[in-house]
Amino acid sequence: MERIRVVVRYRDGRVLKGITQDFFPDKNSFHLFLADNPSDKPIEVLVKELKAVFVVRDFIGNPQYIERKEFLDGERPFGRKVEVTFEDGEVMVGSTMTYHHNPSSFFLFPADPKSNNIRVFVILSAVKQVRYLDSVQKSFRDRLNSRVEV
């Protein structure tokens, strides 16, 4: 299995950084080898407690870098362009193709290709609003509740 670097953000504000080999979007849990002590046994992470799982390039990132929160004219990402507002106020902009496969979560690909985040597994229970940024400006939850396919 591929080892991926992730930053796990809990709904209560806790943050863990580490490596996982058994994260799957349709599973209720996965195991995390903590970055600050990779030789320890992994801890079990319960998805229902999370805000999101950030698949990252590295654990440090660039604190001075300001991530672009918009698509540039002419950019055509795969999927739908969306703006995600989490319950804690964080806003992310990106594209998604996978929300309809699992009504409780979806993958977001950041609009900024220089972002430290490669992709983000968003847990809908931690989301205040998802707004489409193309054609129809109807909220994500409204579409989900009305079962309209996009």
C-alpha atoms as a PDB file:
ATOM      1  CA  MET A   1       0.000   0.000   0.000  1.00  0.00           C
ATOM      2  CA  GLU A   2       1.076   3.545  -0.697  1.00  0.00           C
ATOM      3  CA  ARG A   3       2.182   5.620   2.281  1.00  0.00           C
ATOM      4  CA  ILE A   4       0.631   9.072   2.216  1.00  0.00           C
ATOM      5  CA  ARG A   5       1.368  12.156   4.321  1.00  0.00           C
ATOM      6  CA  VAL A   6      -1.755  13.532   5.932  1.00  0.00           C
ATOM      7  CA  VAL A   7      -2.778  16.247   8.332  1.00  0.00           C
ATOM      8  CA  VAL A   8      -5.854  15.145  10.253  1.00  0.00           C
ATOM      9  CA  ARG A   9      -8.060  17.920  11.577  1.00  0.00           C
ATOM     10  CA  TYR A  10     -10.677  17.041  14.150  1.00  0.00           C
ATOM     11  CA  ARG A  11     -13.924  18.957  14.588  1.00  0.00           C
ATOM     12  CA  ASP A  12     -12.828  19.890  18.121  1.00  0.00           C
ATOM     13  CA  GLY A  13      -9.699  21.640  16.792  1.00  0.00           C
ATOM     14  CA  ARG A  14      -7.102  18.933  17.396  1.00  0.00           C
ATOM     15  CA  VAL A  15      -4.555  18.421  14.618  1.00  0.00           C
ATOM     16  CA  LEU A  16      -2.426  15.343  13.989  1.00  0.00           C
ATOM     17  CA  LYS A  17       0.257  14.907  11.336  1.00  0.00           C
ATOM     18  CA  GLY A  18       1.458  11.567  10.110  1.00  0.00           C
ATOM     19  CA  ILE A  19       1.594   8.784   7.583  1.00  0.00           C
ATOM     20  CA  THR A  20      -1.240   6.429   6.710  1.00  0.00           C
ATOM     21  CA  GLN A  21      -1.406   3.341   4.530  1.00  0.00           C
ATOM     22  CA  ASP A  22      -5.004   2.316   5.054  1.00  0.00           C
ATOM     23  CA  PHE A  23      -7.103   5.419   4.417  1.00  0.00           C
ATOM     24  CA  PHE A  24     -10.102   4.702   2.180  1.00  0.00           C
ATOM     25  CA  PRO A  25     -12.998   7.148   1.664  1.00  0.00           C
ATOM     26  CA  ASP A  26     -15.646   4.502   2.361  1.00  0.00           C
ATOM     27  CA  LYS A  27     -14.147   3.280   5.657  1.00  0.00           C
ATOM     28  CA  ASN A  28     -15.094   4.491   9.143  1.00  0.00           C
ATOM     29  CA  SER A  29     -11.513   4.583  10.426  1.00  0.00           C
ATOM     30  CA  PHE A  30      -7.863   4.395   9.449  1.00  0.00           C
ATOM     31  CA  HIS A  31      -4.498   4.212  11.179  1.00  0.00           C
ATOM     32  CA  LEU A  32      -1.995   7.027  11.535  1.00  0.00           C
ATOM     33  CA  PHE A  33       1.731   6.784  12.286  1.00  0.00           C
ATOM     34  CA  LEU A  34       2.441  10.123  13.963  1.00  0.00           C
ATOM     35  CA  ALA A  35       5.060  12.254  12.215  1.00  0.00           C
ATOM     36  CA  ASP A  36       6.780  13.214  15.475  1.00  0.00           C
ATOM     37  CA  ASN A  37       7.167   9.553  16.499  1.00  0.00           C
ATOM     38  CA  PRO A  38       6.896   7.270  13.435  1.00  0.00           C
ATOM     39  CA  SER A  39       8.328   4.229  15.216  1.00  0.00           C
ATOM     40  CA  ASP A  40       5.405   4.095  17.667  1.00  0.00           C
ATOM     41  CA  LYS A  41       2.364   1.987  17.007  1.00  0.00           C
ATOM     42  CA  PRO A  42      -0.230   3.714  14.842  1.00  0.00           C
ATOM     43  CA  ILE A  43      -3.289   5.329  16.377  1.00  0.00           C
ATOM     44  CA  GLU A  44      -6.790   4.671  15.107  1.00  0.00           C
ATOM     45  CA  VAL A  45      -8.542   7.693  13.634  1.00  0.00           C
ATOM     46  CA  LEU A  46     -12.361   7.683  13.555  1.00  0.00           C
ATOM     47  CA  VAL A  47     -13.638   9.565  10.508  1.00  0.00           C
ATOM     48  CA  LYS A  48     -16.869  10.642  12.238  1.00  0.00           C
ATOM     49  CA  GLU A  49     -14.793  12.830  14.617  1.00  0.00           C
ATOM     50  CA  LEU A  50     -13.025  14.692  11.824  1.00  0.00           C
ATOM     51  CA  LYS A  51     -13.377  17.963   9.964  1.00  0.00           C
ATOM     52  CA  ALA A  52     -11.136  16.834   7.103  1.00  0.00           C
ATOM     53  CA  VAL A  53      -8.116  14.801   6.075  1.00  0.00           C
ATOM     54  CA  PHE A  54      -5.536  16.879   4.200  1.00  0.00           C
ATOM     55  CA  VAL A  55      -3.208  14.926   1.917  1.00  0.00           C
ATOM     56  CA  VAL A  56      -0.105  17.131   1.943  1.00  0.00           C
ATOM     57  CA  ARG A  57       3.187  17.543   0.096  1.00  0.00           C
ATOM     58  CA  ASP A  58       5.031  17.993   3.401  1.00  0.00           C
ATOM     59  CA  PHE A  59       4.235  18.614   7.058  1.00  0.00           C
ATOM     60  CA  ILE A  60       5.783  22.077   7.266  1.00  0.00           C
ATOM     61  CA  GLY A  61       4.420  23.907   4.243  1.00  0.00           C
ATOM     62  CA  ASN A  62       5.282  27.580   3.798  1.00  0.00           C
ATOM     63  CA  PRO A  63       3.675  29.746   6.504  1.00  0.00           C
ATOM     64  CA  GLN A  64       4.340  32.916   4.448  1.00  0.00           C
ATOM     65  CA  TYR A  65       2.574  31.575   1.351  1.00  0.00           C
ATOM     66  CA  ILE A  66      -0.975  32.884   0.869  1.00  0.00           C
ATOM     67  CA  GLU A  67      -3.021  30.264  -0.923  1.00  0.00           C
ATOM     68  CA  ARG A  68      -5.079  31.450  -3.869  1.00  0.00           C
ATOM     69  CA  LYS A  69      -8.805  31.097  -3.123  1.00  0.00           C
ATOM     70  CA  GLU A  70     -10.034  31.433  -6.703  1.00  0.00           C
ATOM     71  CA  PHE A  71      -9.644  29.929 -10.132  1.00  0.00           C
ATOM     72  CA  LEU A  72      -7.868  31.986 -12.736  1.00  0.00           C
ATOM     73  CA  ASP A  73      -9.645  32.862 -15.978  1.00  0.00           C
ATOM     74  CA  GLY A  74      -9.383  29.954 -18.371  1.00  0.00           C
ATOM     75  CA  GLU A  75      -8.587  27.317 -15.740  1.00  0.00           C
ATOM     76  CA  ARG A  76     -10.711  24.243 -16.298  1.00  0.00           C
ATOM     77  CA  PRO A  77     -10.372  21.862 -13.372  1.00  0.00           C
ATOM     78  CA  PHE A  78     -11.857  18.402 -13.387  1.00  0.00           C
ATOM     79  CA  GLY A  79     -15.280  18.355 -11.756  1.00  0.00           C
ATOM     80  CA  ARG A  80     -17.253  21.248 -10.333  1.00  0.00           C
ATOM     81  CA  LYS A  81     -15.727  24.388  -8.869  1.00  0.00           C
ATOM     82  CA  VAL A  82     -16.815  24.826  -5.254  1.00  0.00           C
ATOM     83  CA  GLU A  83     -16.257  27.016  -2.229  1.00  0.00           C
ATOM     84  CA  VAL A  84     -16.374  25.114   1.064  1.00  0.00           C
ATOM     85  CA  THR A  85     -17.050  26.933   4.330  1.00  0.00           C
ATOM     86  CA  PHE A  86     -16.375  24.798   7.379  1.00  0.00           C
ATOM     87  CA  GLU A  87     -18.225  25.270  10.668  1.00  0.00           C
ATOM     88  CA  ASP A  88     -15.030  26.725  12.183  1.00  0.00           C
ATOM     89  CA  GLY A  89     -14.981  29.480   9.531  1.00  0.00           C
ATOM     90  CA  GLU A  90     -12.202  28.128   7.313  1.00  0.00           C
ATOM     91  CA  VAL A  91     -12.934  28.611   3.603  1.00  0.00           C
ATOM     92  CA  MET A  92     -11.420  26.497   0.841  1.00  0.00           C
ATOM     93  CA  VAL A  93     -11.870  26.798  -2.915  1.00  0.00           C
ATOM     94  CA  GLY A  94     -11.326  23.928  -5.288  1.00  0.00           C
ATOM     95  CA  SER A  95     -12.996  21.363  -7.460  1.00  0.00           C
ATOM     96  CA  THR A  96     -14.739  18.091  -6.728  1.00  0.00           C
ATOM     97  CA  MET A  97     -15.982  15.085  -8.653  1.00  0.00           C
ATOM     98  CA  THR A  98     -16.647  12.619  -5.857  1.00  0.00           C
ATOM     99  CA  TYR A  99     -19.300  14.002  -3.508  1.00  0.00           C
ATOM    100  CA  HIS A 100     -22.130  11.965  -5.057  1.00  0.00           C
ATOM    101  CA  HIS A 101     -20.358   8.654  -4.344  1.00  0.00           C
ATOM    102  CA  ASN A 102     -20.665   9.126  -0.598  1.00  0.00           C
ATOM    103  CA  PRO A 103     -23.247  11.582   0.781  1.00  0.00           C
ATOM    104  CA  SER A 104     -21.245  12.133   3.974  1.00  0.00           C
ATOM    105  CA  SER A 105     -17.922  13.205   2.443  1.00  0.00           C
ATOM    106  CA  PHE A 106     -16.109  14.192  -0.745  1.00  0.00           C
ATOM    107  CA  PHE A 107     -12.677  15.015  -2.114  1.00  0.00           C
ATOM    108  CA  LEU A 108     -11.705  18.609  -2.842  1.00  0.00           C
ATOM    109  CA  PHE A 109      -8.770  19.502  -5.100  1.00  0.00           C
ATOM    110  CA  PRO A 110      -7.472  22.997  -4.222  1.00  0.00           C
ATOM    111  CA  ALA A 111      -7.766  25.757  -6.813  1.00  0.00           C
ATOM    112  CA  ASP A 112      -4.170  26.785  -6.137  1.00  0.00           C
ATOM    113  CA  PRO A 113      -1.743  24.289  -7.726  1.00  0.00           C
ATOM    114  CA  LYS A 114       1.009  25.600  -5.399  1.00  0.00           C
ATOM    115  CA  SER A 115      -1.000  24.683  -2.289  1.00  0.00           C
ATOM    116  CA  ASN A 116       0.656  22.339   0.181  1.00  0.00           C
ATOM    117  CA  ASN A 117      -2.617  20.394   0.076  1.00  0.00           C
ATOM    118  CA  ILE A 118      -2.737  17.890  -2.762  1.00  0.00           C
ATOM    119  CA  ARG A 119      -6.330  16.917  -2.010  1.00  0.00           C
ATOM    120  CA  VAL A 120      -8.672  17.254   0.947  1.00  0.00           C
ATOM    121  CA  PHE A 121     -11.167  14.656   2.155  1.00  0.00           C
ATOM    122  CA  VAL A 122     -13.994  16.843   3.461  1.00  0.00           C
ATOM    123  CA  ILE A 123     -16.436  15.491   6.062  1.00  0.00           C
ATOM    124  CA  LEU A 124     -19.846  17.080   5.389  1.00  0.00           C
ATOM    125  CA  SER A 125     -20.903  17.049   9.051  1.00  0.00           C
ATOM    126  CA  ALA A 126     -18.137  19.651   9.660  1.00  0.00           C
ATOM    127  CA  VAL A 127     -19.243  21.864   6.774  1.00  0.00           C
ATOM    128  CA  LYS A 128     -21.453  24.922   7.098  1.00  0.00           C
ATOM    129  CA  GLN A 129     -21.900  25.495   3.347  1.00  0.00           C
ATOM    130  CA  VAL A 130     -20.649  24.329  -0.033  1.00  0.00           C
ATOM    131  CA  ARG A 131     -21.337  26.755  -2.833  1.00  0.00           C
ATOM    132  CA  TYR A 132     -20.920  26.009  -6.529  1.00  0.00           C
ATOM    133  CA  LEU A 133     -18.798  28.583  -8.328  1.00  0.00           C
ATOM    134  CA  ASP A 134     -19.972  27.786 -11.829  1.00  0.00           C
ATOM    135  CA  SER A 135     -23.331  28.080 -13.617  1.00  0.00           C
ATOM    136  CA  VAL A 136     -25.864  27.466 -10.835  1.00  0.00           C
ATOM    137  CA  GLN A 137     -25.169  29.137  -7.485  1.00  0.00           C
ATOM    138  CA  LYS A 138     -27.346  26.736  -5.477  1.00  0.00           C
ATOM    139  CA  SER A 139     -25.916  25.413  -2.223  1.00  0.00           C
ATOM    140  CA  PHE A 140     -24.366  21.971  -2.124  1.00  0.00           C
ATOM    141  CA  ARG A 141     -26.573  20.801   0.761  1.00  0.00           C
ATOM    142  CA  ASP A 142     -29.712  22.008  -1.083  1.00  0.00           C
ATOM    143  CA  ARG A 143     -28.728  19.906  -4.104  1.00  0.00           C
ATOM    144  CA  LEU A 144     -27.958  16.928  -1.892  1.00  0.00           C
ATOM    145  CA  ASN A 145     -31.265  17.251  -0.062  1.00  0.00           C
ATOM    146  CA  SER A 146     -33.234  17.557  -3.290  1.00  0.00           C
ATOM    147  CA  ARG A 147     -31.265  14.658  -4.806  1.00  0.00           C
ATOM    148  CA  VAL A 148     -30.500  16.608  -7.958  1.00  0.00           C
ATOM    149  CA  GLU A 149     -27.593  15.089  -9.855  1.00  0.00           C
ATOM    150  CA  VAL A 150     -24.978  17.516 -11.091  1.00  0.00           C
END
